[in-house]
Amino acid sequence: MFRSVKKPSASTKLAGHSCKDIFHFWLATLVEKALVVLIPSAALLFPLFKFLPQLYD
């Protein structure tokens, strides 16, 4: 008559969900916008930091 329902584990809860499903909407939006800015910036600045010491030698 009654079926037991398994509770999902923490790893299955997070699998396949976006930031907006996990965090509050305003925090998820802030994180996503920060990632959009920080990842390309890091990709541009990393080679620059490797090149700068050669200028001082």
N, C-alpha and C. Protein backbone atom coordinates (compact mmCIF):
# COMPACT_ATOMS: atom_id res chain seq x y z
N MET A 1 0.81 -1.18 0.00
CA MET A 1 0.00 0.00 0.00
C MET A 1 0.87 1.27 0.00
N PHE A 2 1.83 1.35 0.92
CA PHE A 2 2.72 2.51 0.97
C PHE A 2 4.05 2.16 0.34
N ARG A 3 4.55 3.05 -0.45
CA ARG A 3 5.87 2.84 -1.04
C ARG A 3 6.87 3.73 -0.34
N SER A 4 8.06 3.20 -0.12
CA SER A 4 9.10 4.03 0.48
C SER A 4 9.75 4.85 -0.62
N VAL A 5 10.01 6.09 -0.32
CA VAL A 5 10.61 7.01 -1.29
C VAL A 5 12.02 7.30 -0.84
N LYS A 6 12.97 7.07 -1.74
CA LYS A 6 14.36 7.35 -1.42
C LYS A 6 14.60 8.86 -1.48
N LYS A 7 15.33 9.35 -0.51
CA LYS A 7 15.72 10.75 -0.55
C LYS A 7 16.96 10.87 -1.43
N PRO A 8 16.99 11.85 -2.32
CA PRO A 8 18.16 12.00 -3.18
C PRO A 8 19.37 12.46 -2.36
N SER A 9 20.53 11.94 -2.73
CA SER A 9 21.75 12.34 -2.03
C SER A 9 22.17 13.72 -2.52
N ALA A 10 23.15 14.30 -1.85
CA ALA A 10 23.61 15.64 -2.20
C ALA A 10 24.20 15.67 -3.60
N SER A 11 24.90 14.61 -4.00
CA SER A 11 25.51 14.61 -5.33
C SER A 11 24.46 14.52 -6.43
N THR A 12 23.36 13.80 -6.19
CA THR A 12 22.34 13.72 -7.23
C THR A 12 21.47 14.97 -7.25
N LYS A 13 21.40 15.69 -6.14
CA LYS A 13 20.64 16.93 -6.14
C LYS A 13 21.30 17.98 -7.01
N LEU A 14 22.64 18.05 -6.98
CA LEU A 14 23.36 19.09 -7.69
C LEU A 14 23.62 18.74 -9.15
N ALA A 15 23.53 17.48 -9.51
CA ALA A 15 23.86 17.06 -10.87
C ALA A 15 22.83 17.61 -11.85
N GLY A 16 23.31 18.32 -12.86
CA GLY A 16 22.43 18.81 -13.91
C GLY A 16 21.68 20.07 -13.59
N HIS A 17 22.01 20.75 -12.52
CA HIS A 17 21.32 21.99 -12.16
C HIS A 17 22.22 23.18 -12.45
N SER A 18 21.62 24.29 -12.80
CA SER A 18 22.39 25.50 -13.02
C SER A 18 22.56 26.23 -11.70
N CYS A 19 23.33 27.30 -11.73
CA CYS A 19 23.55 28.12 -10.53
C CYS A 19 22.23 28.64 -9.98
N LYS A 20 21.31 28.95 -10.86
CA LYS A 20 20.04 29.54 -10.43
C LYS A 20 19.18 28.55 -9.65
N ASP A 21 19.41 27.25 -9.85
CA ASP A 21 18.67 26.25 -9.08
C ASP A 21 19.26 26.06 -7.69
N ILE A 22 20.55 26.36 -7.53
CA ILE A 22 21.23 26.11 -6.27
C ILE A 22 21.23 27.34 -5.37
N PHE A 23 21.57 28.50 -5.93
CA PHE A 23 21.69 29.73 -5.16
C PHE A 23 20.41 30.57 -5.30
N HIS A 24 20.33 31.61 -4.51
CA HIS A 24 19.27 32.59 -4.71
C HIS A 24 19.50 33.25 -6.06
N PHE A 25 18.44 33.77 -6.64
CA PHE A 25 18.53 34.31 -8.00
C PHE A 25 19.55 35.44 -8.11
N TRP A 26 19.55 36.36 -7.14
CA TRP A 26 20.46 37.51 -7.24
C TRP A 26 21.91 37.07 -7.11
N LEU A 27 22.18 36.06 -6.28
CA LEU A 27 23.55 35.57 -6.12
C LEU A 27 23.99 34.81 -7.36
N ALA A 28 23.10 34.02 -7.93
CA ALA A 28 23.42 33.28 -9.15
C ALA A 28 23.70 34.23 -10.30
N THR A 29 22.93 35.30 -10.40
CA THR A 29 23.15 36.28 -11.46
C THR A 29 24.49 36.97 -11.28
N LEU A 30 24.83 37.32 -10.04
CA LEU A 30 26.11 37.96 -9.76
C LEU A 30 27.28 37.03 -10.09
N VAL A 31 27.17 35.76 -9.72
CA VAL A 31 28.23 34.80 -10.00
C VAL A 31 28.41 34.61 -11.50
N GLU A 32 27.31 34.47 -12.22
CA GLU A 32 27.40 34.27 -13.66
C GLU A 32 28.02 35.47 -14.37
N LYS A 33 27.63 36.68 -13.97
CA LYS A 33 28.20 37.88 -14.57
C LYS A 33 29.68 38.02 -14.23
N ALA A 34 30.05 37.67 -13.01
CA ALA A 34 31.46 37.74 -12.61
C ALA A 34 32.29 36.75 -13.41
N LEU A 35 31.77 35.55 -13.63
CA LEU A 35 32.50 34.57 -14.42
C LEU A 35 32.67 35.00 -15.87
N VAL A 36 31.66 35.65 -16.41
CA VAL A 36 31.74 36.12 -17.79
C VAL A 36 32.84 37.17 -17.94
N VAL A 37 33.07 37.95 -16.89
CA VAL A 37 34.11 38.98 -16.94
C VAL A 37 35.48 38.40 -16.56
N LEU A 38 35.54 37.59 -15.52
CA LEU A 38 36.82 37.14 -14.98
C LEU A 38 37.54 36.11 -15.86
N ILE A 39 36.82 35.19 -16.45
CA ILE A 39 37.48 34.16 -17.26
C ILE A 39 38.17 34.74 -18.49
N PRO A 40 37.52 35.58 -19.30
CA PRO A 40 38.24 36.17 -20.43
C PRO A 40 39.37 37.12 -19.97
N SER A 41 39.15 37.82 -18.86
CA SER A 41 40.20 38.71 -18.35
C SER A 41 41.43 37.91 -17.96
N ALA A 42 41.23 36.80 -17.27
CA ALA A 42 42.35 35.95 -16.89
C ALA A 42 43.05 35.38 -18.12
N ALA A 43 42.28 35.03 -19.13
CA ALA A 43 42.87 34.49 -20.36
C ALA A 43 43.73 35.54 -21.06
N LEU A 44 43.38 36.80 -20.95
CA LEU A 44 44.18 37.86 -21.57
C LEU A 44 45.36 38.28 -20.70
N LEU A 45 45.18 38.30 -19.39
CA LEU A 45 46.23 38.79 -18.50
C LEU A 45 47.32 37.76 -18.23
N PHE A 46 47.01 36.49 -18.27
CA PHE A 46 48.02 35.47 -17.98
C PHE A 46 49.22 35.55 -18.91
N PRO A 47 49.05 35.61 -20.23
CA PRO A 47 50.23 35.75 -21.11
C PRO A 47 50.96 37.08 -20.88
N LEU A 48 50.21 38.11 -20.54
CA LEU A 48 50.83 39.41 -20.28
C LEU A 48 51.78 39.34 -19.09
N PHE A 49 51.37 38.68 -18.03
CA PHE A 49 52.21 38.53 -16.85
C PHE A 49 53.43 37.67 -17.12
N LYS A 50 53.34 36.75 -18.06
CA LYS A 50 54.51 35.97 -18.43
C LYS A 50 55.48 36.78 -19.28
N PHE A 51 54.96 37.77 -20.01
CA PHE A 51 55.79 38.57 -20.91
C PHE A 51 56.45 39.73 -20.19
N LEU A 52 55.84 40.29 -19.16
CA LEU A 52 56.35 41.47 -18.47
C LEU A 52 57.75 41.28 -17.88
N PRO A 53 58.08 40.16 -17.24
CA PRO A 53 59.44 40.03 -16.70
C PRO A 53 60.53 40.10 -17.78
N GLN A 54 60.22 39.71 -19.01
CA GLN A 54 61.20 39.78 -20.09
C GLN A 54 61.51 41.24 -20.45
N LEU A 55 60.57 42.14 -20.23
CA LEU A 55 60.80 43.55 -20.53
C LEU A 55 61.79 44.18 -19.56
N TYR A 56 61.82 43.70 -18.33
CA TYR A 56 62.70 44.27 -17.32
C TYR A 56 64.09 43.70 -17.33
N ASP A 57 64.32 42.61 -18.06
CA ASP A 57 65.67 42.02 -18.12
C ASP A 57 66.54 42.66 -19.14
